[in-house]
Every structure is written in structure tokens, then in C-alpha cells.
Amino acid sequence: MNSQDYITLDNRYGAHNYHPIPVVISKARGCKVWDPEGREYYDFLSAYSAVNQGHLHPHIVAAAKAQLELVTLTSRAFHNDKMGLFLKKLCDYTGYEKALPMNTGVEAVETALKAARRWGAEIKGIENGKQNIICAAGNFHGRTLTAVSMSSDPESYVNYGPYVPGFVRVPFGDAEAARAAIDKNTVAILVEPIQGEAGVVVPPDGYLSALRKICTENGILLIFDEIQTGFCRTGRRFAWQYEGARPDIMCLGKALGGGIMPISAIVADHEIMDVFTPGTHGSTFGGNPLADAVGVAAIEVLEQEHLEENAYRLGEHFRKAVRAVSSPKIRLVRGKGLLNAVVFEENFDAYPACLALKENGILAKQTHGNIIRFAPPLVITEDELEDALARITGVLASV
């Protein structure tokens, strides 16, 4: 079968809830992928930052293979010999006292929201059902009904009502707007340190630290969704570290699975995590032995290969090179580390530019019509980045 055969099958038997670039990936390694015809591409999406360690990193693959020979699933009805090791590794890496493992990123968000609401009722003394959480316009926290109830993007929420109550939306990047929205029933503020799906929107300097101060002063929780920004993507282990704005709860996912399988978690200290008691939250697959083994290996790669340093250094170089492109359509180049975006003029359709990039061996994807994200695996080398930049800047200059 060729690429078009596979695309035809997808279109015939699948729901049309995505509009992918017309390329079929049948093989991957590091920062490169290949189609069935053998054409090579640089992956500049990294599965929305789930492949920070590169495709099929041998250390992570070896851990998965070894665990596949032992035990893969026990449920949480029993202990297994891998989960405790994974939780300790994750806590040591993040600097928190406890972790609660789930599967997908949006499950991590849901878990954080449940923790905050339960903490509000049991610790803060707010009447159950009155708890509210402040979120940011332009957010993307996933696709569940709760997540889309926070969204300001019509594509995410239209015709999915009734919506989950208890959320107050304020402008992203405006700490004083968040402060003004706090009332006696507020339990938390939840934001992404950088809004990825919105087009790599970087808030003003001081925003994250201001939110930290506001939450501390008002006795409420600060929750950061680091699902896309975490695990070295922005040039730090976690994006909040640029401002020392340690959240009370951090939502994690994507790269925690090392590109092998979905793994997510929240991390928090005892006071917050201990609101969960037996039967109050759970997941059949959360903390399964296969995920635990993969998660440990995924973190080890980040540590051993110093990927936050690589992301920071090459990200600076990427933005400098792309900002030097002369194009009347480009309005802004923004990002941190290797999470970057090129913003074109309003109403510009960036999809044809993505197709042109694909023809030049670069796989990237637009968001919100006029924005293209560029986020290669963090294992990309300087030589590989230079090769990719020559192709990217050539396409952008021709737009």
C-alpha cells in the first residue's frame, strides 16, 4: 500500500475530527520520520511535544521491551513493583512530595480540578458546589466536557452544552484581572505557563510570579498545566522555573510517556494530595507497570542528555534565524526553548505554507489559521537544526 491508500482508509473509516497534513508516517527515529515511499522528513511537531526525547529512543524502548516480558497491567486493586519507583523518580525530578498517575493529559487536568475542588471544600471550608476556579482566555486543557467548559475557542465548545459550571475566565497574561476575579468561593487559578495550542503565546515577564504571589496572599491554589511546556521543552525542566513561580499542583503528561505510550500525572505536596482517600478517584490503567517503567526511562533520558540545555541553546538560535527572514506576511516569531511559533498577519491561511514545508521535508502544523508551531524533538543536533532551518527559512521567505 502507498501513502494515498492509507489516507483513503483513514477518511473512509475514521471520524473527520482532524485535518492532518497529507503525509503518512510509517517509520521514525530521533527527530526524523519517513513515509511508506521512503521520503524523509524532520518532525517539527513532536506529537504536540509528546516526543521530547525523540522517536523510539533506545533507552526508553529497552525499558518497555523488558517490562513487556514481565507484567503490564494489574489495576490499582493490587500493588505492583514498578509504580513506587516511578512515583519516587517523578517526585525527585519535579521537587514535589507526592504524585498521582493517570494516562492522558486531560485526565491530569481533571485530577487537578478535582483535587482543588475537594481541597476547597475540606480544607478551605467552602460549601460544596460553590467552588470556583479561575482560568485564562485562549486556554487549551483538553477535550473533555470539563475542559471545553473552560475554553474560549468556539471550535472546542460549540454544541457541547450544557457546560460544566464553576469556572471564571480572565485574560491570559493579566495578573490583576485574575486578582480581581477572586471571591470567597475561589479555590484555584489554573493556567498554562505558555499557551501552546493558542499559538505559543508567551505571557509578559513577571506574570507567573505575580500569580504565585496572588494565590499565596488569598489562600488559594495555583495550578500550572505543564503538559505541553514541561519536561525540558521550553529550556527549563518546567516553564514556571523561569520565574520561580512554583505551583501548588502541576499537571503533567505528553513527554512523560517518552513517545511510547500515554502517561500523565499531577504532582503536589501532602496537604493537597491527601484529600484523596480510597475510592474518591482512580483509573484502571493509571500507574500500570508498563507505564511506570517507560516513565522512569523517559525521565532518565531528560536528565542524562541534559535536554533542557539543548532546548534552550537551540531555541535561541532558531528564533534568531527565523526572525531574520524577510516576509511581508510574518508579524511575529515567539517562543521559549524549542517551543516556537511564527505568527502571520491576521486572516492569513497558513495551511498552504505547511504543505510547502512538507514538500521541503519539514512537518509542522498550523494552529488558529495564521500560526505555525515549530517544536522538534529536543534531541535534535545543531547540524540537523541548521539543515532544517535552511528549508524552513526558504519556505517562509517565499510566502
Protein backbone atom coordinates (compact mmCIF):
# COMPACT_ATOMS: atom_id res chain seq x y z
CA MET A 1 0.00 0.00 0.00
CA ASN A 2 1.13 3.57 -0.67
CA SER A 3 0.52 6.79 1.26
CA GLN A 4 -2.70 7.63 -0.55
CA ASP A 5 -4.10 4.17 0.18
CA TYR A 6 -3.61 4.72 3.91
CA ILE A 7 -5.12 8.21 3.76
CA THR A 8 -8.13 6.83 1.92
CA LEU A 9 -8.68 4.22 4.64
CA ASP A 10 -8.47 6.89 7.34
CA ASN A 11 -11.01 9.06 5.55
CA ARG A 12 -13.34 6.14 4.83
CA TYR A 13 -13.45 4.62 8.30
CA GLY A 14 -12.47 7.42 10.66
CA ALA A 15 -14.34 10.37 12.14
CA HIS A 16 -13.28 13.61 10.45
CA ASN A 17 -12.34 15.43 13.64
CA TYR A 18 -8.84 16.29 12.39
CA HIS A 19 -7.47 17.96 9.28
CA PRO A 20 -3.99 16.43 9.04
CA ILE A 21 -1.18 17.33 6.71
CA PRO A 22 -1.40 14.76 3.85
CA VAL A 23 1.59 12.68 4.87
CA VAL A 24 1.73 9.13 6.21
CA ILE A 25 4.39 8.28 8.76
CA SER A 26 5.43 4.65 8.73
CA LYS A 27 8.86 4.84 10.40
CA ALA A 28 10.53 7.19 12.87
CA ARG A 29 13.83 7.64 14.66
CA GLY A 30 15.17 10.58 16.63
CA CYS A 31 13.94 13.81 15.06
CA LYS A 32 13.19 12.27 11.65
CA VAL A 33 10.29 10.31 10.17
CA TRP A 34 9.72 8.50 6.87
CA ASP A 35 6.65 7.78 4.75
CA PRO A 36 5.87 4.44 3.06
CA GLU A 37 7.64 5.61 -0.10
CA GLY A 38 10.83 6.25 1.88
CA ARG A 39 10.71 10.06 1.84
CA GLU A 40 12.45 11.59 4.87
CA TYR A 41 11.11 14.48 6.95
CA TYR A 42 12.12 16.43 10.01
CA ASP A 43 9.39 16.19 12.66
CA PHE A 44 8.79 19.74 13.88
CA LEU A 45 5.64 18.95 15.86
CA SER A 46 6.91 16.13 18.11
CA ALA A 47 3.36 14.83 18.55
CA TYR A 48 2.47 18.12 20.24
CA SER A 49 5.60 17.83 22.45
CA ALA A 50 5.00 14.21 23.47
CA VAL A 51 8.25 13.14 21.75
CA ASN A 52 10.75 15.40 23.52
CA GLN A 53 13.20 12.50 23.83
CA GLY A 54 12.95 11.74 20.12
CA HIS A 55 11.19 8.92 18.35
CA LEU A 56 11.98 5.44 19.67
CA HIS A 57 14.78 6.46 21.99
CA PRO A 58 16.70 3.21 22.57
CA HIS A 59 16.79 3.59 26.36
CA ILE A 60 13.02 4.02 26.57
CA VAL A 61 12.33 1.26 24.04
CA ALA A 62 14.55 -1.13 26.01
CA ALA A 63 12.66 -0.36 29.22
CA ALA A 64 9.33 -1.00 27.50
CA LYS A 65 10.51 -4.27 25.96
CA ALA A 66 11.88 -5.55 29.27
CA GLN A 67 8.63 -4.76 31.10
CA LEU A 68 6.52 -6.35 28.35
CA GLU A 69 8.11 -9.68 29.30
CA LEU A 70 7.07 -9.34 32.95
CA VAL A 71 3.71 -7.70 33.69
CA THR A 72 1.89 -4.82 32.02
CA LEU A 73 -1.34 -4.26 33.95
CA THR A 74 -2.51 -5.04 37.47
CA SER A 75 -5.06 -2.24 38.11
CA ARG A 76 -4.83 -0.33 41.37
CA ALA A 77 -6.61 -3.15 43.21
CA PHE A 78 -3.10 -4.52 43.86
CA HIS A 79 0.38 -3.10 44.27
CA ASN A 80 2.99 -3.62 41.57
CA ASP A 81 6.78 -3.49 41.81
CA LYS A 82 7.23 -0.55 39.42
CA MET A 83 4.80 2.18 40.47
CA GLY A 84 6.57 3.23 43.65
CA LEU A 85 9.85 3.55 41.80
CA PHE A 86 8.17 5.68 39.13
CA LEU A 87 6.43 7.93 41.65
CA LYS A 88 9.68 8.49 43.55
CA LYS A 89 11.52 9.32 40.33
CA LEU A 90 8.81 11.77 39.29
CA CYS A 91 8.74 13.44 42.71
CA ASP A 92 12.53 13.70 42.82
CA TYR A 93 12.57 15.23 39.34
CA THR A 94 9.78 17.74 39.97
CA GLY A 95 10.51 18.56 43.61
CA TYR A 96 7.08 17.61 44.98
CA GLU A 97 6.14 15.26 47.80
CA LYS A 98 3.53 13.14 46.02
CA ALA A 99 2.38 12.16 42.55
CA LEU A 100 -0.88 10.68 41.26
CA PRO A 101 -0.54 8.82 37.95
CA MET A 102 -3.15 8.80 35.20
CA ASN A 103 -3.00 8.24 31.44
CA THR A 104 -3.79 11.24 29.25
CA GLY A 105 -3.08 14.91 29.72
CA VAL A 106 -6.70 15.86 30.11
CA GLU A 107 -7.02 13.27 32.90
CA ALA A 108 -4.23 15.11 34.70
CA VAL A 109 -6.20 18.35 34.35
CA GLU A 110 -9.39 16.68 35.57
CA THR A 111 -7.47 15.25 38.53
CA ALA A 112 -6.08 18.67 39.41
CA LEU A 113 -9.53 20.24 39.22
CA LYS A 114 -10.99 17.53 41.46
CA ALA A 115 -8.14 17.97 43.93
CA ALA A 116 -8.67 21.73 44.02
CA ARG A 117 -12.43 21.48 44.49
CA ARG A 118 -12.10 18.84 47.19
CA TRP A 119 -9.36 20.87 48.91
CA GLY A 120 -11.63 23.92 48.76
CA ALA A 121 -14.46 22.07 50.46
CA GLU A 122 -12.47 20.09 53.03
CA ILE A 123 -9.55 22.39 53.86
CA LYS A 124 -10.77 25.88 52.98
CA GLY A 125 -14.33 25.25 54.14
CA ILE A 126 -16.19 26.36 51.01
CA GLU A 127 -19.68 24.94 50.64
CA ASN A 128 -19.59 22.02 48.20
CA GLY A 129 -20.99 23.09 44.85
CA LYS A 130 -19.90 26.70 45.29
CA GLN A 131 -16.18 26.21 44.49
CA ASN A 132 -14.95 28.22 41.50
CA ILE A 133 -11.69 28.14 39.58
CA ILE A 134 -10.20 31.00 37.59
CA CYS A 135 -8.84 30.09 34.14
CA ALA A 136 -7.48 32.06 31.18
CA ALA A 137 -8.99 33.03 27.85
CA GLY A 138 -7.31 31.21 24.99
CA ASN A 139 -6.60 28.18 27.16
CA PHE A 140 -6.40 24.60 25.98
CA HIS A 141 -6.66 21.99 28.71
CA GLY A 142 -8.00 19.08 26.66
CA ARG A 143 -11.23 17.84 25.11
CA THR A 144 -13.43 16.53 27.91
CA LEU A 145 -16.65 18.36 28.73
CA THR A 146 -15.00 19.90 31.77
CA ALA A 147 -12.01 21.07 29.74
CA VAL A 148 -14.08 22.58 26.94
CA SER A 149 -16.27 24.30 29.53
CA MET A 150 -13.18 26.43 30.32
CA SER A 151 -12.44 27.13 26.66
CA SER A 152 -12.96 30.39 24.78
CA ASP A 153 -12.44 28.68 21.41
CA PRO A 154 -15.79 28.02 19.66
CA GLU A 155 -14.35 25.03 17.77
CA SER A 156 -13.76 23.38 21.13
CA TYR A 157 -17.05 24.09 22.89
CA VAL A 158 -19.88 24.87 20.43
CA ASN A 159 -22.86 22.47 20.70
CA TYR A 160 -21.43 20.54 23.63
CA GLY A 161 -23.67 22.10 26.27
CA PRO A 162 -24.76 22.06 28.98
CA TYR A 163 -21.34 23.13 30.20
CA VAL A 164 -19.68 22.37 33.50
CA PRO A 165 -20.13 25.33 35.87
CA GLY A 166 -17.63 26.73 38.34
CA PHE A 167 -15.14 28.48 36.04
CA VAL A 168 -14.33 32.18 35.73
CA ARG A 169 -12.36 33.18 32.63
CA VAL A 170 -9.99 36.17 32.60
CA PRO A 171 -7.48 37.47 30.03
CA PHE A 172 -4.24 35.49 29.78
CA GLY A 173 -1.18 37.46 30.86
CA ASP A 174 -3.16 39.85 33.07
CA ALA A 175 -2.42 39.01 36.71
CA GLU A 176 -4.52 41.88 38.04
CA ALA A 177 -7.57 40.58 36.18
CA ALA A 178 -7.05 37.25 37.95
CA ARG A 179 -6.76 39.03 41.30
CA ALA A 180 -9.98 40.97 40.67
CA ALA A 181 -11.87 37.76 39.84
CA ILE A 182 -11.17 36.12 43.20
CA ASP A 183 -14.13 35.85 45.56
CA LYS A 184 -14.91 33.94 48.76
CA ASN A 185 -15.58 30.74 46.77
CA THR A 186 -12.43 30.75 44.66
CA VAL A 187 -10.25 27.69 45.22
CA ALA A 188 -7.62 27.98 42.49
CA ILE A 189 -6.16 29.70 39.46
CA LEU A 190 -5.35 27.36 36.55
CA VAL A 191 -3.25 28.47 33.57
CA GLU A 192 -0.69 27.20 31.08
CA PRO A 193 2.67 28.96 31.64
CA ILE A 194 2.80 29.31 27.84
CA GLN A 195 -0.36 28.74 25.83
CA GLY A 196 0.65 26.09 23.31
CA GLU A 197 -2.49 25.39 21.33
CA ALA A 198 -3.29 29.11 21.21
CA GLY A 199 -0.13 29.59 19.17
CA VAL A 200 2.74 29.54 21.69
CA VAL A 201 1.51 32.66 23.47
CA VAL A 202 4.22 33.74 25.93
CA PRO A 203 2.89 35.90 28.79
CA PRO A 204 4.62 39.10 29.95
CA ASP A 205 7.62 38.69 32.23
CA GLY A 206 6.51 38.55 35.83
CA TYR A 207 3.05 37.13 35.11
CA LEU A 208 3.69 33.70 36.60
CA SER A 209 5.40 35.07 39.72
CA ALA A 210 2.55 37.56 40.14
CA LEU A 211 0.02 34.73 40.05
CA ARG A 212 2.06 32.87 42.64
CA LYS A 213 2.00 35.91 44.94
CA ILE A 214 -1.74 36.48 44.41
CA CYS A 215 -2.60 32.86 45.24
CA THR A 216 -0.44 32.90 48.36
CA GLU A 217 -1.97 36.16 49.59
CA ASN A 218 -5.50 34.89 49.03
CA GLY A 219 -5.04 31.38 50.37
CA ILE A 220 -5.92 29.66 47.10
CA LEU A 221 -4.12 27.12 44.93
CA LEU A 222 -2.00 27.85 41.88
CA ILE A 223 -2.23 25.14 39.21
CA PHE A 224 0.00 25.12 36.15
CA ASP A 225 -0.82 22.94 33.17
CA GLU A 226 2.69 21.96 32.05
CA ILE A 227 1.51 19.12 29.85
CA GLN A 228 2.95 20.69 26.70
CA THR A 229 5.55 23.01 28.25
CA GLY A 230 7.04 20.55 30.72
CA PHE A 231 9.93 18.11 30.63
CA CYS A 232 12.54 20.48 29.15
CA ARG A 233 10.52 21.72 26.17
CA THR A 234 10.97 25.43 26.98
CA GLY A 235 14.63 25.25 28.00
CA ARG A 236 13.88 24.54 31.67
CA ARG A 237 12.60 21.36 33.25
CA PHE A 238 9.32 23.25 33.66
CA ALA A 239 8.36 26.65 32.33
CA TRP A 240 7.46 28.05 35.76
CA GLN A 241 11.13 27.82 36.71
CA TYR A 242 11.90 30.89 34.60
CA GLU A 243 10.20 32.92 37.35
CA GLY A 244 10.50 30.65 40.37
CA ALA A 245 6.70 30.51 40.48
CA ARG A 246 6.29 27.02 41.98
CA PRO A 247 2.64 25.97 41.64
CA ASP A 248 0.71 24.04 44.27
CA ILE A 249 -0.37 21.48 41.67
CA MET A 250 1.34 20.74 38.37
CA CYS A 251 -0.38 18.85 35.54
CA LEU A 252 1.99 16.62 33.55
CA GLY A 253 1.70 14.38 30.51
CA LYS A 254 2.88 14.09 26.90
CA ALA A 255 6.70 13.71 27.15
CA LEU A 256 6.32 11.80 30.43
CA GLY A 257 5.48 8.85 28.17
CA GLY A 258 8.65 9.25 26.12
CA GLY A 259 6.72 8.93 22.87
CA ILE A 260 5.94 5.30 23.71
CA MET A 261 2.58 5.43 25.45
CA PRO A 262 0.20 7.87 27.17
CA ILE A 263 1.28 8.65 30.74
CA SER A 264 0.14 11.59 32.82
CA ALA A 265 0.15 12.69 36.43
CA ILE A 266 -0.33 15.51 38.85
CA VAL A 267 2.28 16.34 41.45
CA ALA A 268 1.59 18.23 44.69
CA ASP A 269 2.60 18.23 48.34
CA HIS A 270 0.95 16.19 51.12
CA GLU A 271 -1.60 18.77 52.24
CA ILE A 272 -3.25 18.83 48.82
CA MET A 273 -2.77 15.27 47.66
CA ASP A 274 -4.05 13.81 50.91
CA VAL A 275 -7.60 15.00 50.16
CA PHE A 276 -7.85 11.88 48.02
CA THR A 277 -8.85 8.81 50.02
CA PRO A 278 -9.65 5.25 48.87
CA GLY A 279 -12.49 5.27 46.36
CA THR A 280 -12.53 9.02 45.74
CA HIS A 281 -10.50 8.94 42.49
CA GLY A 282 -8.86 6.36 40.30
CA SER A 283 -8.05 4.81 36.94
CA THR A 284 -7.79 1.21 35.75
CA PHE A 285 -4.66 1.92 33.74
CA GLY A 286 -3.19 4.74 35.85
CA GLY A 287 0.16 3.67 37.27
CA ASN A 288 0.32 0.43 35.29
CA PRO A 289 3.72 -1.33 35.41
CA LEU A 290 4.46 -0.78 31.72
CA ALA A 291 3.81 2.95 32.01
CA ASP A 292 5.88 3.10 35.19
CA ALA A 293 8.90 1.52 33.52
CA VAL A 294 8.56 3.80 30.49
CA GLY A 295 8.10 6.89 32.68
CA VAL A 296 11.28 6.22 34.65
CA ALA A 297 13.25 5.74 31.44
CA ALA A 298 11.75 8.87 29.88
CA ILE A 299 12.89 11.00 32.84
CA GLU A 300 16.32 9.36 32.82
CA VAL A 301 16.83 10.42 29.20
CA LEU A 302 15.92 14.02 30.02
CA GLU A 303 18.44 14.01 32.88
CA GLN A 304 21.29 12.12 31.26
CA GLU A 305 21.21 14.01 27.97
CA HIS A 306 20.68 17.45 29.56
CA LEU A 307 17.84 18.15 27.16
CA GLU A 308 16.75 21.38 28.83
CA GLU A 309 20.16 22.85 27.96
CA ASN A 310 19.89 21.68 24.36
CA ALA A 311 16.37 23.11 24.08
CA TYR A 312 17.42 26.48 25.48
CA ARG A 313 20.52 26.87 23.30
CA LEU A 314 18.98 25.68 20.03
CA GLY A 315 15.76 27.56 20.70
CA GLU A 316 17.65 30.85 20.91
CA HIS A 317 19.34 30.04 17.60
CA PHE A 318 16.06 29.03 15.95
CA ARG A 319 14.27 32.27 16.81
CA LYS A 320 17.21 34.41 15.74
CA ALA A 321 17.39 32.69 12.35
CA VAL A 322 13.65 32.84 11.68
CA ARG A 323 13.37 36.47 12.79
CA ALA A 324 15.92 37.32 10.13
CA VAL A 325 13.55 36.13 7.37
CA SER A 326 12.12 38.95 5.28
CA SER A 327 8.44 38.38 4.58
CA PRO A 328 5.64 40.95 4.49
CA LYS A 329 3.23 38.33 5.86
CA ILE A 330 5.14 37.49 9.07
CA ARG A 331 4.15 39.54 12.09
CA LEU A 332 5.91 37.83 14.98
CA VAL A 333 8.23 34.98 15.97
CA ARG A 334 7.82 33.90 19.58
CA GLY A 335 8.56 31.10 21.98
CA LYS A 336 10.89 29.69 24.60
CA GLY A 337 13.32 26.84 24.16
CA LEU A 338 12.19 24.59 21.33
CA LEU A 339 8.52 25.58 21.60
CA ASN A 340 8.14 28.29 18.97
CA ALA A 341 5.65 29.80 16.58
CA VAL A 342 5.60 32.03 13.52
CA VAL A 343 2.58 34.33 13.53
CA PHE A 344 1.41 35.62 10.15
CA GLU A 345 -0.87 38.57 9.51
CA GLU A 346 -4.49 38.20 10.56
CA ASN A 347 -6.73 36.17 8.21
CA PHE A 348 -3.67 34.58 6.58
CA ASP A 349 -4.19 30.86 5.88
CA ALA A 350 -1.00 29.09 6.98
CA TYR A 351 -2.08 25.66 5.73
CA PRO A 352 -0.53 26.09 2.24
CA ALA A 353 2.72 27.13 3.92
CA CYS A 354 2.60 23.89 5.94
CA LEU A 355 2.16 21.97 2.69
CA ALA A 356 5.16 23.80 1.23
CA LEU A 357 7.19 22.92 4.30
CA LYS A 358 6.16 19.29 3.88
CA GLU A 359 7.37 19.33 0.27
CA ASN A 360 10.70 20.59 1.62
CA GLY A 361 10.98 17.83 4.20
CA ILE A 362 9.61 19.66 7.25
CA LEU A 363 6.48 18.53 9.10
CA ALA A 364 4.82 21.35 11.01
CA LYS A 365 1.20 22.20 11.71
CA GLN A 366 -0.81 25.38 11.80
CA THR A 367 -2.99 26.48 14.67
CA HIS A 368 -5.72 29.13 14.72
CA GLY A 369 -5.36 29.63 10.98
CA ASN A 370 -2.47 32.06 10.78
CA ILE A 371 0.11 30.50 13.13
CA ILE A 372 2.62 27.69 12.57
CA ARG A 373 4.21 25.91 15.53
CA PHE A 374 7.78 24.64 15.32
CA ALA A 375 8.68 22.15 18.06
CA PRO A 376 11.21 19.46 17.08
CA PRO A 377 12.31 16.68 19.44
CA LEU A 378 14.81 18.02 21.96
CA VAL A 379 17.42 15.51 20.81
CA ILE A 380 17.85 17.38 17.52
CA THR A 381 21.51 18.22 16.89
CA GLU A 382 22.92 21.56 15.83
CA ASP A 383 23.72 20.21 12.36
CA GLU A 384 20.21 18.82 11.97
CA LEU A 385 18.70 22.11 13.09
CA GLU A 386 20.83 24.03 10.58
CA ASP A 387 19.66 21.75 7.79
CA ALA A 388 16.05 22.15 8.86
CA LEU A 389 16.39 25.93 9.23
CA ALA A 390 17.65 26.28 5.68
CA ARG A 391 14.47 24.62 4.47
CA ILE A 392 12.15 26.48 6.86
CA THR A 393 13.55 29.94 6.17
CA GLY A 394 13.46 29.24 2.43
CA VAL A 395 9.75 28.48 2.57
CA LEU A 396 8.95 31.39 4.88
CA ALA A 397 10.82 33.83 2.67
CA SER A 398 8.70 32.75 -0.30
CA VAL A 399 5.38 33.29 1.50
